[in-house]
């Protein structure tokens, strides 16, 4: 569905972090810049639209050079995290992604100089279903700050 046919409400912003294997040379740093990991391979996501992949790989539209794609494709985020833990790639994810919790084989590092991701509610423009309106209102009230 084209973005022009959507009503989008930003609930909050969340910084992105670099996800690394725990043994990586950048693990333990407080912050990094995109240049610090520009040569690192990143896992490609199966079936993701190009703009989505570009955002998570810092591709055109940002001032950073995108990292090379790792020679593997992950069908799910868990597969991506396993590839990172094995040392085959690095990844960018939202800082509070719950799938990072309890993974001793992974490290996360804040990335300076990149825009955060946005958590949004998106609905079809002009949808007059009262359930949709109720959901948008509830999300705006209860999901603004995690």
C-alpha atoms as a PDB file:
ATOM      1  CA  UNK A   1       0.000   0.000   0.000  1.00  0.00           C
ATOM      2  CA  UNK A   2       1.549   3.366  -0.968  1.00  0.00           C
ATOM      3  CA  UNK A   3       2.420   5.587   1.989  1.00  0.00           C
ATOM      4  CA  UNK A   4       0.153   8.302   0.574  1.00  0.00           C
ATOM      5  CA  UNK A   5      -2.838   6.124   1.422  1.00  0.00           C
ATOM      6  CA  UNK A   6      -1.927   5.929   5.095  1.00  0.00           C
ATOM      7  CA  UNK A   7      -2.493   8.019   8.173  1.00  0.00           C
ATOM      8  CA  UNK A   8       0.669   7.683  10.251  1.00  0.00           C
ATOM      9  CA  UNK A   9       1.000   8.708  13.887  1.00  0.00           C
ATOM     10  CA  UNK A  10       4.491   8.607  15.424  1.00  0.00           C
ATOM     11  CA  UNK A  11       4.226   7.230  18.952  1.00  0.00           C
ATOM     12  CA  UNK A  12       7.886   7.586  19.892  1.00  0.00           C
ATOM     13  CA  UNK A  13      11.445   7.493  18.567  1.00  0.00           C
ATOM     14  CA  UNK A  14      13.911   4.802  19.479  1.00  0.00           C
ATOM     15  CA  UNK A  15      17.662   4.913  18.883  1.00  0.00           C
ATOM     16  CA  UNK A  16      19.254   2.200  16.759  1.00  0.00           C
ATOM     17  CA  UNK A  17      22.173   0.179  18.103  1.00  0.00           C
ATOM     18  CA  UNK A  18      24.870  -1.848  16.427  1.00  0.00           C
ATOM     19  CA  UNK A  19      24.522  -5.531  17.316  1.00  0.00           C
ATOM     20  CA  UNK A  20      27.808  -7.429  17.344  1.00  0.00           C
ATOM     21  CA  UNK A  21      29.106 -10.813  18.425  1.00  0.00           C
ATOM     22  CA  UNK A  22      30.306 -10.545  22.026  1.00  0.00           C
ATOM     23  CA  UNK A  23      33.893 -11.207  20.870  1.00  0.00           C
ATOM     24  CA  UNK A  24      33.897  -8.449  18.195  1.00  0.00           C
ATOM     25  CA  UNK A  25      36.607  -5.743  18.236  1.00  0.00           C
ATOM     26  CA  UNK A  26      33.929  -3.034  18.773  1.00  0.00           C
ATOM     27  CA  UNK A  27      32.097  -4.866  21.587  1.00  0.00           C
ATOM     28  CA  UNK A  28      32.500  -2.983  24.835  1.00  0.00           C
ATOM     29  CA  UNK A  29      32.771   0.432  23.187  1.00  0.00           C
ATOM     30  CA  UNK A  30      30.362   3.032  24.517  1.00  0.00           C
ATOM     31  CA  UNK A  31      29.584   4.444  21.063  1.00  0.00           C
ATOM     32  CA  UNK A  32      30.597   3.973  17.439  1.00  0.00           C
ATOM     33  CA  UNK A  33      30.064   5.914  14.231  1.00  0.00           C
ATOM     34  CA  UNK A  34      28.914   4.420  10.910  1.00  0.00           C
ATOM     35  CA  UNK A  35      32.495   4.684   9.669  1.00  0.00           C
ATOM     36  CA  UNK A  36      33.631   2.312  12.419  1.00  0.00           C
ATOM     37  CA  UNK A  37      31.627  -0.551  10.908  1.00  0.00           C
ATOM     38  CA  UNK A  38      31.374   0.499   7.233  1.00  0.00           C
ATOM     39  CA  UNK A  39      33.340  -2.546   6.051  1.00  0.00           C
ATOM     40  CA  UNK A  40      31.432  -5.036   8.218  1.00  0.00           C
ATOM     41  CA  UNK A  41      28.969  -7.338   6.411  1.00  0.00           C
ATOM     42  CA  UNK A  42      25.312  -7.006   7.374  1.00  0.00           C
ATOM     43  CA  UNK A  43      22.705  -9.765   7.151  1.00  0.00           C
ATOM     44  CA  UNK A  44      20.117  -9.252   4.420  1.00  0.00           C
ATOM     45  CA  UNK A  45      16.444  -9.733   5.306  1.00  0.00           C
ATOM     46  CA  UNK A  46      14.432 -12.071   3.105  1.00  0.00           C
ATOM     47  CA  UNK A  47      11.427 -10.428   1.477  1.00  0.00           C
ATOM     48  CA  UNK A  48      11.881  -6.992   3.029  1.00  0.00           C
ATOM     49  CA  UNK A  49      11.067  -3.991   0.808  1.00  0.00           C
ATOM     50  CA  UNK A  50      14.022  -1.971  -0.471  1.00  0.00           C
ATOM     51  CA  UNK A  51      13.317   1.169   1.626  1.00  0.00           C
ATOM     52  CA  UNK A  52      13.175  -0.964   4.774  1.00  0.00           C
ATOM     53  CA  UNK A  53      16.479  -2.675   3.968  1.00  0.00           C
ATOM     54  CA  UNK A  54      18.053   0.668   3.075  1.00  0.00           C
ATOM     55  CA  UNK A  55      17.064   2.255   6.388  1.00  0.00           C
ATOM     56  CA  UNK A  56      18.582  -0.585   8.397  1.00  0.00           C
ATOM     57  CA  UNK A  57      21.743  -0.661   6.267  1.00  0.00           C
ATOM     58  CA  UNK A  58      22.272   3.133   6.132  1.00  0.00           C
ATOM     59  CA  UNK A  59      21.855   3.184   2.364  1.00  0.00           C
ATOM     60  CA  UNK A  60      21.270   6.203   0.119  1.00  0.00           C
ATOM     61  CA  UNK A  61      19.232   8.912   1.676  1.00  0.00           C
ATOM     62  CA  UNK A  62      21.683   9.034   4.560  1.00  0.00           C
ATOM     63  CA  UNK A  63      25.135  10.527   4.493  1.00  0.00           C
ATOM     64  CA  UNK A  64      26.763   7.203   5.275  1.00  0.00           C
ATOM     65  CA  UNK A  65      28.191   4.532   3.016  1.00  0.00           C
ATOM     66  CA  UNK A  66      26.164   1.306   3.378  1.00  0.00           C
ATOM     67  CA  UNK A  67      27.861  -1.773   4.739  1.00  0.00           C
ATOM     68  CA  UNK A  68      28.298  -4.762   2.463  1.00  0.00           C
ATOM     69  CA  UNK A  69      25.592  -7.413   2.606  1.00  0.00           C
ATOM     70  CA  UNK A  70      26.695 -10.656   4.226  1.00  0.00           C
ATOM     71  CA  UNK A  71      26.497 -13.698   1.960  1.00  0.00           C
ATOM     72  CA  UNK A  72      23.421 -14.938   3.806  1.00  0.00           C
ATOM     73  CA  UNK A  73      19.765 -14.027   4.058  1.00  0.00           C
ATOM     74  CA  UNK A  74      17.796 -14.285   7.288  1.00  0.00           C
ATOM     75  CA  UNK A  75      14.148 -15.277   7.217  1.00  0.00           C
ATOM     76  CA  UNK A  76      13.547 -13.977  10.758  1.00  0.00           C
ATOM     77  CA  UNK A  77      15.238 -11.606  13.193  1.00  0.00           C
ATOM     78  CA  UNK A  78      16.233 -14.564  15.360  1.00  0.00           C
ATOM     79  CA  UNK A  79      18.139 -16.002  12.365  1.00  0.00           C
ATOM     80  CA  UNK A  80      19.813 -12.622  11.900  1.00  0.00           C
ATOM     81  CA  UNK A  81      20.879 -12.571  15.549  1.00  0.00           C
ATOM     82  CA  UNK A  82      22.288 -16.099  15.286  1.00  0.00           C
ATOM     83  CA  UNK A  83      24.368 -15.042  12.248  1.00  0.00           C
ATOM     84  CA  UNK A  84      25.674 -12.054  14.219  1.00  0.00           C
ATOM     85  CA  UNK A  85      26.475 -14.205  17.265  1.00  0.00           C
ATOM     86  CA  UNK A  86      28.433 -16.593  15.029  1.00  0.00           C
ATOM     87  CA  UNK A  87      30.560 -13.698  13.781  1.00  0.00           C
ATOM     88  CA  UNK A  88      29.295 -13.797  10.186  1.00  0.00           C
ATOM     89  CA  UNK A  89      27.786 -10.281  10.242  1.00  0.00           C
ATOM     90  CA  UNK A  90      26.664  -7.279  12.283  1.00  0.00           C
ATOM     91  CA  UNK A  91      23.225  -5.656  12.386  1.00  0.00           C
ATOM     92  CA  UNK A  92      21.368  -2.511  13.373  1.00  0.00           C
ATOM     93  CA  UNK A  93      18.278  -2.932  15.556  1.00  0.00           C
ATOM     94  CA  UNK A  94      16.117  -0.775  17.821  1.00  0.00           C
ATOM     95  CA  UNK A  95      17.849  -0.252  21.163  1.00  0.00           C
ATOM     96  CA  UNK A  96      15.012  -1.767  23.201  1.00  0.00           C
ATOM     97  CA  UNK A  97      14.399  -4.780  20.953  1.00  0.00           C
ATOM     98  CA  UNK A  98      13.336  -7.491  23.391  1.00  0.00           C
ATOM     99  CA  UNK A  99      14.991 -10.197  21.288  1.00  0.00           C
ATOM    100  CA  UNK A 100      18.374  -8.872  22.446  1.00  0.00           C
ATOM    101  CA  UNK A 101      17.603  -9.552  26.109  1.00  0.00           C
ATOM    102  CA  UNK A 102      19.480 -12.435  27.672  1.00  0.00           C
ATOM    103  CA  UNK A 103      21.813 -13.010  24.729  1.00  0.00           C
ATOM    104  CA  UNK A 104      25.288 -13.275  26.278  1.00  0.00           C
ATOM    105  CA  UNK A 105      26.690 -14.050  22.828  1.00  0.00           C
ATOM    106  CA  UNK A 106      25.749 -10.556  21.555  1.00  0.00           C
ATOM    107  CA  UNK A 107      26.875  -7.023  22.388  1.00  0.00           C
ATOM    108  CA  UNK A 108      25.143  -3.754  21.547  1.00  0.00           C
ATOM    109  CA  UNK A 109      26.787  -0.382  21.012  1.00  0.00           C
ATOM    110  CA  UNK A 110      25.117   3.012  20.556  1.00  0.00           C
ATOM    111  CA  UNK A 111      25.630   4.517  17.091  1.00  0.00           C
ATOM    112  CA  UNK A 112      26.326   8.253  16.833  1.00  0.00           C
ATOM    113  CA  UNK A 113      25.110  10.330  13.911  1.00  0.00           C
ATOM    114  CA  UNK A 114      22.203   8.258  12.596  1.00  0.00           C
ATOM    115  CA  UNK A 115      18.518   8.991  12.884  1.00  0.00           C
ATOM    116  CA  UNK A 116      16.412   6.887  15.258  1.00  0.00           C
ATOM    117  CA  UNK A 117      13.677   4.543  14.132  1.00  0.00           C
ATOM    118  CA  UNK A 118      10.061   5.534  14.737  1.00  0.00           C
ATOM    119  CA  UNK A 119       7.379   3.406  16.326  1.00  0.00           C
ATOM    120  CA  UNK A 120       4.144   4.314  14.565  1.00  0.00           C
ATOM    121  CA  UNK A 121       0.509   3.442  14.128  1.00  0.00           C
ATOM    122  CA  UNK A 122      -0.394   3.358  10.437  1.00  0.00           C
ATOM    123  CA  UNK A 123      -3.952   2.918   9.206  1.00  0.00           C
ATOM    124  CA  UNK A 124      -5.690   3.275   5.860  1.00  0.00           C
ATOM    125  CA  UNK A 125      -6.498   6.912   5.186  1.00  0.00           C
ATOM    126  CA  UNK A 126     -10.222   7.579   5.602  1.00  0.00           C
ATOM    127  CA  UNK A 127     -10.974   4.276   7.380  1.00  0.00           C
ATOM    128  CA  UNK A 128     -14.114   5.044   9.386  1.00  0.00           C
ATOM    129  CA  UNK A 129     -14.197   1.755  11.307  1.00  0.00           C
ATOM    130  CA  UNK A 130     -14.741   2.689  14.985  1.00  0.00           C
ATOM    131  CA  UNK A 131     -12.369  -0.107  16.054  1.00  0.00           C
ATOM    132  CA  UNK A 132      -9.569   1.517  14.065  1.00  0.00           C
ATOM    133  CA  UNK A 133     -10.270   4.890  15.657  1.00  0.00           C
ATOM    134  CA  UNK A 134     -10.351   3.269  19.101  1.00  0.00           C
ATOM    135  CA  UNK A 135      -7.066   1.492  18.491  1.00  0.00           C
ATOM    136  CA  UNK A 136      -5.356   4.682  17.314  1.00  0.00           C
ATOM    137  CA  UNK A 137      -6.594   6.506  20.417  1.00  0.00           C
ATOM    138  CA  UNK A 138      -5.518   3.701  22.787  1.00  0.00           C
ATOM    139  CA  UNK A 139      -2.100   3.428  21.137  1.00  0.00           C
ATOM    140  CA  UNK A 140      -1.606   7.183  21.403  1.00  0.00           C
ATOM    141  CA  UNK A 141      -2.496   7.101  25.078  1.00  0.00           C
ATOM    142  CA  UNK A 142      -0.724   3.964  26.244  1.00  0.00           C
ATOM    143  CA  UNK A 143       2.182   3.394  23.855  1.00  0.00           C
ATOM    144  CA  UNK A 144       3.791   6.811  23.702  1.00  0.00           C
ATOM    145  CA  UNK A 145       6.668   5.992  26.050  1.00  0.00           C
ATOM    146  CA  UNK A 146       7.721   2.383  26.578  1.00  0.00           C
END
